[in-house]
């Protein structure tokens, strides 16, 4: 793979250029994450403005999914800070992070296979403490009409694309201010991938900020406002999505061009 380290830039852009949508909603500063003695994230710093779609791209094992796990609290950083709307969340348990406004649709979907579609959606609203969820269910069914058709079907009997829709819909049931999406197109056909990305853009247009990890870098950059390139646990490039898509080294390393 082409070495992109020669063009390292400040991983924390000032948000004055294209892609800025509002004030900083999520900020990571010098985050280090370990798996045992192995350092998976080596000082990650990034931010996401309210209303943006920001994507993380990089090769397998670069640290993309680990970054999302650190944000959602399923793998706590050893050092560094993670702030949501200015408040530190890196020491909070995952259920409190959800209640603060972060929902995570994980890699591999991880739906509750023996539960129905509707029951999975109910589980997504567990942090809502008895609030009515009818409007949220209606919103999910409007975004994913296929789920309405399969409301009573057990999630484990659905196709991969339908399960991905359910995983995203379940995350939206928490009414997050920021949605973390990990490899939403994994294992999907090109047609379904295109459909999922259109829905991601619609979710964002409705007001939900999105932090997206996606192996299909071209699709991710086409949908995003800004992007970060992660390599071996470090951010090596940060720019608008359009500039990253036009960057020759990015094109060679991640977009499959020679």
Protein backbone atom coordinates (compact mmCIF):
# COMPACT_ATOMS: atom_id res chain seq x y z
CA UNK A 1 0.00 0.00 0.00
CA UNK A 2 1.21 3.49 -0.79
CA UNK A 3 2.82 5.30 2.15
CA UNK A 4 0.74 8.41 2.83
CA UNK A 5 2.71 9.62 5.84
CA UNK A 6 4.60 12.18 3.76
CA UNK A 7 1.49 14.33 3.51
CA UNK A 8 0.45 14.31 7.17
CA UNK A 9 -1.66 17.32 8.10
CA UNK A 10 -3.15 18.72 11.28
CA UNK A 11 -5.83 16.17 12.24
CA UNK A 12 -7.98 18.88 13.82
CA UNK A 13 -9.10 21.26 11.06
CA UNK A 14 -10.46 24.62 12.15
CA UNK A 15 -13.86 23.97 10.50
CA UNK A 16 -13.73 27.22 8.54
CA UNK A 17 -13.68 25.49 5.16
CA UNK A 18 -16.15 23.43 3.19
CA UNK A 19 -17.98 20.81 5.13
CA UNK A 20 -18.53 22.85 8.30
CA UNK A 21 -22.10 22.54 9.56
CA UNK A 22 -21.99 23.90 13.11
CA UNK A 23 -20.27 23.87 16.47
CA UNK A 24 -18.12 20.97 17.60
CA UNK A 25 -20.29 18.13 18.88
CA UNK A 26 -17.74 15.35 19.39
CA UNK A 27 -14.03 15.75 20.11
CA UNK A 28 -11.28 13.19 20.70
CA UNK A 29 -7.94 14.43 21.95
CA UNK A 30 -4.79 12.27 22.14
CA UNK A 31 -6.74 9.05 22.69
CA UNK A 32 -4.70 5.90 23.35
CA UNK A 33 -6.40 2.49 23.40
CA UNK A 34 -4.75 -0.84 24.18
CA UNK A 35 -5.73 -4.47 23.71
CA UNK A 36 -3.58 -6.03 26.41
CA UNK A 37 -0.06 -4.80 25.65
CA UNK A 38 -0.87 -3.92 22.04
CA UNK A 39 -1.49 -0.23 21.40
CA UNK A 40 -4.33 -0.02 18.89
CA UNK A 41 -4.84 3.78 18.94
CA UNK A 42 -1.70 5.87 19.28
CA UNK A 43 -2.93 9.34 20.10
CA UNK A 44 -6.05 9.83 17.96
CA UNK A 45 -7.36 13.41 17.80
CA UNK A 46 -10.39 14.33 15.73
CA UNK A 47 -13.61 16.29 15.90
CA UNK A 48 -17.07 16.19 14.39
CA UNK A 49 -19.20 19.30 14.01
CA UNK A 50 -22.92 19.23 14.65
CA UNK A 51 -24.74 18.31 11.44
CA UNK A 52 -21.78 16.75 9.62
CA UNK A 53 -21.12 13.36 8.12
CA UNK A 54 -17.49 12.57 8.90
CA UNK A 55 -15.85 9.39 7.68
CA UNK A 56 -12.85 7.41 8.90
CA UNK A 57 -11.08 5.47 6.18
CA UNK A 58 -8.10 3.15 6.33
CA UNK A 59 -7.03 -0.43 5.81
CA UNK A 60 -8.19 -3.37 7.94
CA UNK A 61 -6.66 -3.19 11.41
CA UNK A 62 -5.88 0.52 11.16
CA UNK A 63 -7.98 1.39 14.23
CA UNK A 64 -11.25 2.60 12.72
CA UNK A 65 -13.60 0.30 14.62
CA UNK A 66 -11.55 0.70 17.79
CA UNK A 67 -12.09 4.46 17.55
CA UNK A 68 -15.86 3.94 17.50
CA UNK A 69 -15.67 1.49 20.40
CA UNK A 70 -13.70 4.02 22.43
CA UNK A 71 -16.35 6.67 21.76
CA UNK A 72 -19.26 4.38 22.66
CA UNK A 73 -17.52 3.17 25.81
CA UNK A 74 -17.25 -0.50 24.92
CA UNK A 75 -13.45 -0.22 25.07
CA UNK A 76 -12.22 2.44 27.47
CA UNK A 77 -9.17 4.54 26.50
CA UNK A 78 -6.08 4.23 28.65
CA UNK A 79 -5.41 7.95 28.22
CA UNK A 80 -6.72 10.97 26.35
CA UNK A 81 -10.14 12.59 26.40
CA UNK A 82 -13.44 12.18 24.56
CA UNK A 83 -15.98 14.99 24.88
CA UNK A 84 -19.56 15.27 23.69
CA UNK A 85 -20.83 18.85 23.48
CA UNK A 86 -17.94 19.85 25.73
CA UNK A 87 -18.59 17.26 28.47
CA UNK A 88 -16.14 14.41 29.09
CA UNK A 89 -17.61 10.97 28.43
CA UNK A 90 -14.52 8.74 28.29
CA UNK A 91 -14.99 7.45 31.85
CA UNK A 92 -18.71 6.76 31.51
CA UNK A 93 -20.21 3.27 31.05
CA UNK A 94 -21.76 2.54 27.65
CA UNK A 95 -25.40 2.86 28.77
CA UNK A 96 -24.75 6.37 30.10
CA UNK A 97 -23.01 7.34 26.85
CA UNK A 98 -26.13 6.23 24.96
CA UNK A 99 -28.31 8.35 27.23
CA UNK A 100 -26.02 11.33 26.56
CA UNK A 101 -26.75 11.10 22.83
CA UNK A 102 -24.39 8.62 21.14
CA UNK A 103 -25.72 5.49 19.42
CA UNK A 104 -23.50 2.84 17.82
CA UNK A 105 -24.52 0.57 14.96
CA UNK A 106 -21.69 -1.99 15.19
CA UNK A 107 -19.79 -3.93 12.59
CA UNK A 108 -21.56 -7.22 11.88
CA UNK A 109 -25.01 -5.77 12.75
CA UNK A 110 -25.43 -7.84 15.97
CA UNK A 111 -29.22 -7.83 15.89
CA UNK A 112 -31.14 -9.85 18.48
CA UNK A 113 -31.78 -12.79 16.18
CA UNK A 114 -34.60 -14.44 18.18
CA UNK A 115 -36.50 -11.20 18.64
CA UNK A 116 -38.84 -9.67 16.08
CA UNK A 117 -38.03 -6.50 14.16
CA UNK A 118 -40.32 -4.50 16.45
CA UNK A 119 -38.77 -6.00 19.59
CA UNK A 120 -35.29 -5.09 18.30
CA UNK A 121 -36.46 -1.50 17.83
CA UNK A 122 -37.88 -1.48 21.35
CA UNK A 123 -34.47 -2.59 22.65
CA UNK A 124 -32.89 0.36 20.88
CA UNK A 125 -34.99 2.68 23.02
CA UNK A 126 -33.98 1.09 26.34
CA UNK A 127 -32.38 4.31 27.58
CA UNK A 128 -35.54 6.34 27.03
CA UNK A 129 -37.00 5.44 30.47
CA UNK A 130 -40.61 4.74 29.58
CA UNK A 131 -41.07 7.44 26.94
CA UNK A 132 -43.51 6.77 24.12
CA UNK A 133 -41.66 5.51 21.06
CA UNK A 134 -44.45 5.45 18.45
CA UNK A 135 -43.08 8.43 16.53
CA UNK A 136 -39.59 6.94 16.50
CA UNK A 137 -40.84 3.60 15.21
CA UNK A 138 -42.76 5.45 12.49
CA UNK A 139 -39.60 7.34 11.54
CA UNK A 140 -37.60 4.12 11.25
CA UNK A 141 -40.32 2.51 9.14
CA UNK A 142 -40.39 5.58 6.88
CA UNK A 143 -36.62 5.36 6.40
CA UNK A 144 -36.68 1.57 5.99
CA UNK A 145 -40.05 0.48 4.51
CA UNK A 146 -38.78 -3.10 4.34
CA UNK A 147 -38.76 -3.21 8.14
CA UNK A 148 -42.42 -2.21 8.29
CA UNK A 149 -43.21 -5.18 6.05
CA UNK A 150 -41.26 -7.48 8.40
CA UNK A 151 -42.34 -5.92 11.70
CA UNK A 152 -43.21 -9.29 13.29
CA UNK A 153 -40.47 -11.36 11.61
CA UNK A 154 -37.60 -12.72 13.70
CA UNK A 155 -34.47 -10.71 12.93
CA UNK A 156 -32.28 -13.79 12.48
CA UNK A 157 -34.34 -14.96 9.52
CA UNK A 158 -33.86 -11.78 7.50
CA UNK A 159 -31.29 -11.09 4.80
CA UNK A 160 -28.02 -9.32 5.53
CA UNK A 161 -29.28 -6.09 4.01
CA UNK A 162 -32.45 -6.19 6.08
CA UNK A 163 -30.45 -6.87 9.23
CA UNK A 164 -28.25 -3.86 8.45
CA UNK A 165 -31.34 -1.70 8.10
CA UNK A 166 -32.56 -3.04 11.44
CA UNK A 167 -29.24 -2.36 13.16
CA UNK A 168 -29.30 1.24 11.95
CA UNK A 169 -32.97 1.64 12.84
CA UNK A 170 -32.38 0.21 16.31
CA UNK A 171 -29.59 2.75 16.90
CA UNK A 172 -31.87 5.59 15.79
CA UNK A 173 -34.43 4.57 18.40
CA UNK A 174 -32.17 6.12 21.05
CA UNK A 175 -32.71 9.52 19.40
CA UNK A 176 -28.95 10.11 19.18
CA UNK A 177 -27.37 13.46 18.48
CA UNK A 178 -24.56 11.50 16.79
CA UNK A 179 -24.82 8.11 15.11
CA UNK A 180 -21.74 5.89 14.88
CA UNK A 181 -21.91 3.57 11.86
CA UNK A 182 -19.38 0.76 11.53
CA UNK A 183 -19.12 -0.82 8.06
CA UNK A 184 -22.80 -0.43 7.08
CA UNK A 185 -22.19 -1.84 3.58
CA UNK A 186 -20.29 -4.96 4.67
CA UNK A 187 -21.44 -7.99 2.69
CA UNK A 188 -24.11 -6.09 0.78
CA UNK A 189 -24.68 -6.00 -2.97
CA UNK A 190 -23.83 -2.79 -4.85
CA UNK A 191 -27.53 -1.95 -5.18
CA UNK A 192 -28.18 -2.37 -1.45
CA UNK A 193 -25.00 -0.45 -0.64
CA UNK A 194 -26.21 2.48 -2.70
CA UNK A 195 -29.57 2.32 -0.95
CA UNK A 196 -27.97 2.28 2.51
CA UNK A 197 -25.86 5.33 1.69
CA UNK A 198 -28.87 7.25 0.45
CA UNK A 199 -30.54 6.52 3.77
CA UNK A 200 -27.44 7.67 5.67
CA UNK A 201 -27.63 10.97 3.83
CA UNK A 202 -31.35 11.22 4.64
CA UNK A 203 -30.70 10.53 8.33
CA UNK A 204 -28.15 13.34 8.30
CA UNK A 205 -30.53 15.68 6.45
CA UNK A 206 -33.07 15.06 9.22
CA UNK A 207 -30.58 16.46 11.73
CA UNK A 208 -28.51 13.53 13.01
CA UNK A 209 -24.73 13.91 12.94
CA UNK A 210 -22.92 10.83 11.58
CA UNK A 211 -19.46 9.39 12.18
CA UNK A 212 -18.97 6.69 9.56
CA UNK A 213 -16.44 3.87 9.32
CA UNK A 214 -16.59 2.28 5.90
CA UNK A 215 -14.29 0.00 3.88
CA UNK A 216 -15.83 1.31 0.64
CA UNK A 217 -13.83 4.54 0.80
CA UNK A 218 -15.24 6.00 -2.42
CA UNK A 219 -18.85 5.67 -1.25
CA UNK A 220 -17.92 7.06 2.15
CA UNK A 221 -16.16 10.11 0.71
CA UNK A 222 -19.01 10.76 -1.69
CA UNK A 223 -21.44 10.89 1.24
CA UNK A 224 -19.28 12.68 3.81
CA UNK A 225 -18.44 16.34 4.37
CA UNK A 226 -15.00 15.62 5.84
CA UNK A 227 -12.77 12.64 6.39
CA UNK A 228 -9.82 11.29 8.33
CA UNK A 229 -7.35 8.66 7.13
CA UNK A 230 -6.14 6.29 9.85
CA UNK A 231 -3.01 4.18 9.47
CA UNK A 232 -1.69 1.85 12.22
CA UNK A 233 -3.52 3.69 14.97
CA UNK A 234 -2.65 7.22 13.90
CA UNK A 235 -4.46 9.83 11.85
CA UNK A 236 -2.22 10.69 8.92
CA UNK A 237 -4.54 12.85 6.81
CA UNK A 238 -7.55 15.07 7.50
CA UNK A 239 -9.38 17.17 4.94
CA UNK A 240 -12.68 17.76 3.24
CA UNK A 241 -14.08 14.62 1.66
CA UNK A 242 -13.74 16.15 -1.81
CA UNK A 243 -10.06 16.91 -1.27
CA UNK A 244 -9.36 13.44 0.08
CA UNK A 245 -11.12 11.86 -2.90
CA UNK A 246 -8.90 13.92 -5.20
CA UNK A 247 -5.67 13.21 -3.28
CA UNK A 248 -3.44 11.02 -5.45
CA UNK A 249 -2.01 9.03 -2.56
CA UNK A 250 -5.47 8.38 -1.10
CA UNK A 251 -6.74 7.33 -4.52
CA UNK A 252 -3.90 4.83 -4.93
CA UNK A 253 -4.03 3.45 -1.39
CA UNK A 254 -7.77 3.35 -0.67
CA UNK A 255 -9.75 3.90 -3.86
CA UNK A 256 -8.14 1.12 -5.86
CA UNK A 257 -6.44 3.32 -8.46
CA UNK A 258 -2.94 2.71 -9.80
